[in-house]
């Protein structure tokens, strides 16, 4: 089977997906709302790894992000405003949009991941749909497979539809795969999707990531 056949998910070909992503937000926001999750494999985990992952998903997040300086907070607020504008057509309600972006930012930073990468992955996986379910049973924004709740959680797969729980699991799992692949993001993304070593999925995420890059504008001195 060629890459086009491998990449087909829910009636939307990877070629069409990439074309939509390359065209920018105006195009992908109008694309069919299909899930693109593959079938992650349940792999044996060493007890130390299992304990570390369990601890990582169990910690509570602060209700608001904490910042070391005023400038850091202002930078975050500028990012929030920019991303809010880009996400408005998907999440019209400001409070819902703010809570989602705040949580995605926090969980990405906490896991040591680029926020734009996490946003791109969510775009490809679920098109920002909280209750998305893939044909193989992956759930929520980051399309987390239910077996993860048994392996490193309390076994309640229904919680994967809770925003923070889903984003926490997704970011922790991606960080785990990135560590296993010794920092190779291409291979880690493939492992996340259950298509390790194949190009369509990482390429789609990298393309989507471009929609979420944030460039600070530094005012020049007069």
Foldseek 3Di string as FASTA:
>chain_A
DDPQVVQDFPNQTLVNLLVQLLVALVRLLPDDQTFRFADFDDDDDDPVVLVVLLVQLPDDDDPADDDPDPVVVVVVVVLLVVVCVSCCVVPVDPVVSSVLLRLLVVLCVSLVHDSLLSVLQLCRGGVQDLAHAGPVGQGGSNRHHQVVCVRRNVSPSVCCSPRNSVSSSNSSQLSVLCVVVVNPNQQSQCNRRVNGPDRSRVVSSVSNSVNSDDDDDDDDDD
